[in-house]
């Protein structure tokens, strides 16, 4: 019996690990009912604030949600899908985010043409076409906080992650929680198998070597606010 007990303990431990792993599911990013991606941003400038959104985004995630466990997720936003509602301003934004300054005439001079477009080839064409947002893990805000999702309730978690933009990858930093980003998780209303992930945080353009060339006397602030309101649905079985 003494020899059997350690064996049973090992079997139970392995079963527990398998059970926890089985709770993880594959998810993909889906659009809201109105067709939006849920990715928006605010850029401050000398005369106010520009509101923008991403019309296209993709992503996938492996999540443990019952109970809430670690997460591995990656989301991609093409800079060509980012818009503030003004073509000239959008082109200036894309040249800042997408061009390789070592090859391009920018930032010495603006390189958008009269139709507010960048060249499709050559040194002034887009070298960094995407912004990537990667979640590396999350946990409840405290040991006493709930760690399961129930309909109609919001679960607050702290997440670790990183951005890749303009060819550089940096860990995300929150002014409130240092290297952890506050996020809110819930079950999407009317969709019991769809998760909603919300959060907002500041991104420093200088951290990624991004130069925003002034237009006349108009200058842009260093920090942009990014807001996520993402819907994640179970990945369809092939």
Protein backbone atom coordinates (compact mmCIF):
# COMPACT_ATOMS: atom_id res chain seq x y z
CA UNK A 1 0.00 0.00 0.00
CA UNK A 2 2.85 2.39 0.84
CA UNK A 3 4.29 1.89 -2.63
CA UNK A 4 0.91 2.40 -4.29
CA UNK A 5 0.17 5.74 -2.59
CA UNK A 6 3.00 7.72 -4.26
CA UNK A 7 1.99 6.22 -7.59
CA UNK A 8 -1.63 7.31 -7.07
CA UNK A 9 -0.47 10.79 -6.09
CA UNK A 10 1.56 11.02 -9.31
CA UNK A 11 -1.41 9.87 -11.40
CA UNK A 12 -3.69 12.43 -9.73
CA UNK A 13 -1.16 15.21 -10.30
CA UNK A 14 -0.84 14.28 -13.97
CA UNK A 15 -4.63 14.14 -14.32
CA UNK A 16 -4.91 17.58 -12.75
CA UNK A 17 -2.36 18.99 -15.19
CA UNK A 18 -4.14 17.45 -18.15
CA UNK A 19 -7.45 18.82 -16.92
CA UNK A 20 -6.04 22.34 -16.56
CA UNK A 21 -4.50 22.16 -19.99
CA UNK A 22 -7.77 20.89 -21.44
CA UNK A 23 -9.44 24.12 -20.32
CA UNK A 24 -7.32 26.10 -22.79
CA UNK A 25 -9.03 26.84 -26.08
CA UNK A 26 -8.03 28.31 -29.43
CA UNK A 27 -9.68 31.62 -30.30
CA UNK A 28 -9.59 33.99 -33.25
CA UNK A 29 -10.30 37.71 -33.46
CA UNK A 30 -13.71 38.54 -34.92
CA UNK A 31 -15.46 41.80 -35.76
CA UNK A 32 -18.21 43.49 -33.81
CA UNK A 33 -21.74 43.43 -35.22
CA UNK A 34 -21.19 46.88 -36.77
CA UNK A 35 -18.12 45.59 -38.63
CA UNK A 36 -15.52 47.40 -36.52
CA UNK A 37 -12.36 45.72 -35.24
CA UNK A 38 -12.40 47.26 -31.78
CA UNK A 39 -8.96 48.87 -32.22
CA UNK A 40 -8.93 52.66 -31.82
CA UNK A 41 -6.33 55.28 -30.95
CA UNK A 42 -5.93 58.91 -29.94
CA UNK A 43 -2.99 61.07 -31.01
CA UNK A 44 -2.52 64.44 -29.37
CA UNK A 45 -1.18 67.38 -31.33
CA UNK A 46 -0.61 71.07 -30.72
CA UNK A 47 -4.23 72.02 -31.47
CA UNK A 48 -6.15 69.10 -29.97
CA UNK A 49 -6.57 65.36 -30.45
CA UNK A 50 -6.93 63.18 -33.54
CA UNK A 51 -9.22 60.16 -33.23
CA UNK A 52 -8.32 57.10 -35.28
CA UNK A 53 -9.28 53.48 -35.80
CA UNK A 54 -8.04 50.36 -37.53
CA UNK A 55 -10.41 49.10 -40.20
CA UNK A 56 -8.62 45.75 -40.38
CA UNK A 57 -7.03 43.50 -37.76
CA UNK A 58 -6.34 39.81 -37.32
CA UNK A 59 -5.28 37.65 -34.44
CA UNK A 60 -5.40 34.36 -32.60
CA UNK A 61 -5.10 33.29 -28.98
CA UNK A 62 -4.79 30.27 -26.75
CA UNK A 63 -6.66 31.11 -23.55
CA UNK A 64 -7.47 29.42 -20.29
CA UNK A 65 -10.65 30.96 -18.89
CA UNK A 66 -12.19 28.54 -16.38
CA UNK A 67 -10.32 29.24 -14.23
CA UNK A 68 -8.50 32.20 -15.80
CA UNK A 69 -5.00 31.04 -16.64
CA UNK A 70 -2.09 32.27 -18.66
CA UNK A 71 -2.64 33.51 -22.19
CA UNK A 72 -0.72 33.51 -25.42
CA UNK A 73 -2.14 35.79 -28.07
CA UNK A 74 -0.97 37.82 -31.04
CA UNK A 75 -2.83 40.53 -32.96
CA UNK A 76 -1.75 42.26 -36.17
CA UNK A 77 -2.91 45.65 -37.43
CA UNK A 78 -1.80 46.69 -40.95
CA UNK A 79 -0.80 50.36 -40.84
CA UNK A 80 -2.54 50.78 -44.19
CA UNK A 81 -5.83 50.12 -42.34
CA UNK A 82 -5.25 52.92 -39.82
CA UNK A 83 -7.28 56.03 -40.49
CA UNK A 84 -8.11 59.33 -38.80
CA UNK A 85 -10.61 60.39 -41.47
CA UNK A 86 -8.21 62.71 -43.32
CA UNK A 87 -6.19 61.34 -46.25
CA UNK A 88 -3.32 63.81 -45.96
CA UNK A 89 -2.97 63.26 -42.22
CA UNK A 90 -3.23 59.50 -42.69
CA UNK A 91 -0.43 59.48 -45.25
CA UNK A 92 1.79 61.49 -42.90
CA UNK A 93 1.01 59.00 -40.14
CA UNK A 94 1.88 56.03 -42.35
CA UNK A 95 5.17 57.52 -43.49
CA UNK A 96 6.16 57.94 -39.84
CA UNK A 97 5.17 54.39 -38.90
CA UNK A 98 6.10 52.48 -42.02
CA UNK A 99 9.18 53.95 -43.69
CA UNK A 100 12.78 52.92 -43.10
CA UNK A 101 14.43 56.24 -42.29
CA UNK A 102 17.86 54.90 -43.26
CA UNK A 103 16.65 54.49 -46.85
CA UNK A 104 13.87 57.03 -47.28
CA UNK A 105 14.01 60.79 -47.84
CA UNK A 106 11.72 60.97 -44.80
CA UNK A 107 12.04 62.47 -42.20
CA UNK A 108 14.13 65.09 -43.99
CA UNK A 109 11.06 65.79 -46.11
CA UNK A 110 7.51 64.55 -46.56
CA UNK A 111 7.27 61.90 -49.28
CA UNK A 112 3.49 61.61 -49.73
CA UNK A 113 2.44 62.56 -53.27
CA UNK A 114 -0.33 64.92 -54.37
CA UNK A 115 -2.90 62.11 -53.98
CA UNK A 116 -1.65 61.49 -50.43
CA UNK A 117 -0.12 58.15 -51.31
CA UNK A 118 3.30 56.63 -50.73
CA UNK A 119 5.26 54.89 -53.52
CA UNK A 120 4.56 51.17 -53.83
CA UNK A 121 8.24 50.37 -54.44
CA UNK A 122 11.61 51.97 -53.81
CA UNK A 123 13.24 53.60 -50.78
CA UNK A 124 10.14 55.64 -49.93
CA UNK A 125 7.81 52.63 -49.89
CA UNK A 126 6.51 50.94 -46.74
CA UNK A 127 9.17 48.81 -45.05
CA UNK A 128 7.26 48.03 -41.84
CA UNK A 129 3.68 47.22 -42.91
CA UNK A 130 2.24 46.00 -39.60
CA UNK A 131 1.93 46.83 -35.95
CA UNK A 132 1.91 43.71 -33.80
CA UNK A 133 0.49 43.41 -30.31
CA UNK A 134 1.39 40.28 -28.34
CA UNK A 135 -0.06 39.17 -25.01
CA UNK A 136 2.33 37.00 -23.01
CA UNK A 137 0.15 36.16 -20.02
CA UNK A 138 -2.41 37.46 -17.56
CA UNK A 139 -3.53 36.93 -14.00
CA UNK A 140 -6.30 38.20 -11.68
CA UNK A 141 -5.59 41.56 -10.07
CA UNK A 142 -5.15 39.93 -6.63
CA UNK A 143 -5.11 36.52 -5.01
CA UNK A 144 -8.57 37.23 -3.58
CA UNK A 145 -10.08 38.31 -6.92
CA UNK A 146 -12.46 35.95 -8.77
CA UNK A 147 -10.72 33.83 -11.38
CA UNK A 148 -13.69 32.57 -13.39
CA UNK A 149 -15.88 34.28 -15.96
CA UNK A 150 -19.65 34.35 -15.52
CA UNK A 151 -22.24 36.01 -17.80
CA UNK A 152 -22.95 39.61 -16.92
CA UNK A 153 -19.79 40.08 -14.85
CA UNK A 154 -16.42 41.66 -15.61
CA UNK A 155 -13.15 40.12 -14.52
CA UNK A 156 -10.18 42.45 -14.05
CA UNK A 157 -6.77 41.04 -14.86
CA UNK A 158 -3.21 42.25 -15.22
CA UNK A 159 -1.49 41.30 -18.46
CA UNK A 160 2.06 41.22 -19.77
CA UNK A 161 2.72 41.98 -23.39
CA UNK A 162 4.77 43.75 -26.02
CA UNK A 163 4.42 45.87 -29.12
CA UNK A 164 6.32 45.55 -32.37
CA UNK A 165 6.26 48.64 -34.55
CA UNK A 166 8.65 50.40 -36.89
CA UNK A 167 10.91 47.35 -36.75
CA UNK A 168 11.36 47.45 -32.97
CA UNK A 169 9.87 45.29 -30.23
CA UNK A 170 9.33 46.63 -26.72
CA UNK A 171 7.61 45.40 -23.58
CA UNK A 172 4.38 47.27 -22.83
CA UNK A 173 4.51 49.56 -19.81
CA UNK A 174 1.54 50.90 -17.89
CA UNK A 175 1.84 54.10 -15.87
CA UNK A 176 -0.54 52.57 -13.33
CA UNK A 177 0.88 49.06 -13.07
CA UNK A 178 4.42 49.35 -14.45
CA UNK A 179 5.03 46.25 -16.60
CA UNK A 180 1.48 44.87 -16.18
CA UNK A 181 -1.43 46.16 -18.27
CA UNK A 182 -4.95 46.33 -16.74
CA UNK A 183 -7.53 44.51 -18.89
CA UNK A 184 -11.21 43.74 -18.43
CA UNK A 185 -12.58 40.35 -19.49
CA UNK A 186 -16.21 39.42 -19.96
CA UNK A 187 -18.48 37.11 -21.91
CA UNK A 188 -19.87 39.04 -24.87
CA UNK A 189 -23.53 39.91 -24.41
CA UNK A 190 -25.77 37.45 -26.21
CA UNK A 191 -22.80 35.27 -27.26
CA UNK A 192 -21.97 32.75 -24.56
CA UNK A 193 -18.87 31.40 -26.33
CA UNK A 194 -17.35 34.77 -27.32
CA UNK A 195 -14.96 36.62 -25.03
CA UNK A 196 -14.63 40.40 -24.85
CA UNK A 197 -11.26 41.89 -23.92
CA UNK A 198 -11.07 45.60 -23.16
CA UNK A 199 -8.24 47.86 -22.11
CA UNK A 200 -6.39 51.06 -22.89
CA UNK A 201 -2.81 52.18 -22.47
CA UNK A 202 -0.29 54.75 -23.63
CA UNK A 203 2.40 54.09 -26.23
CA UNK A 204 5.46 56.29 -26.54
CA UNK A 205 6.42 56.90 -30.17
CA UNK A 206 9.95 57.85 -29.14
CA UNK A 207 10.45 54.39 -27.62
CA UNK A 208 10.17 52.91 -31.11
CA UNK A 209 12.22 55.58 -32.86
CA UNK A 210 9.14 56.95 -34.64
CA UNK A 211 9.51 60.48 -36.00
CA UNK A 212 6.43 62.58 -36.74
CA UNK A 213 7.51 65.45 -38.96
CA UNK A 214 5.77 68.75 -38.09
CA UNK A 215 3.40 70.19 -40.67
CA UNK A 216 3.90 73.95 -40.70
CA UNK A 217 3.59 74.81 -36.97
CA UNK A 218 1.56 71.74 -36.02
CA UNK A 219 3.44 69.23 -33.88
CA UNK A 220 2.41 65.83 -32.52
CA UNK A 221 2.76 64.66 -28.93
CA UNK A 222 4.98 61.72 -28.13
CA UNK A 223 2.39 59.48 -26.49
CA UNK A 224 -0.60 57.94 -28.23
CA UNK A 225 -3.48 56.26 -26.41
CA UNK A 226 -4.51 52.86 -27.75
CA UNK A 227 -7.87 51.36 -26.79
CA UNK A 228 -8.77 47.73 -27.38
CA UNK A 229 -12.28 46.30 -27.38
CA UNK A 230 -11.67 42.88 -28.88
CA UNK A 231 -14.01 39.98 -29.51
CA UNK A 232 -12.51 36.49 -29.46
CA UNK A 233 -14.52 33.55 -30.77
CA UNK A 234 -13.59 29.87 -30.62
CA UNK A 235 -11.53 28.87 -33.62
CA UNK A 236 -13.66 26.89 -36.10
CA UNK A 237 -12.81 23.23 -36.39
CA UNK A 238 -11.45 22.21 -39.79
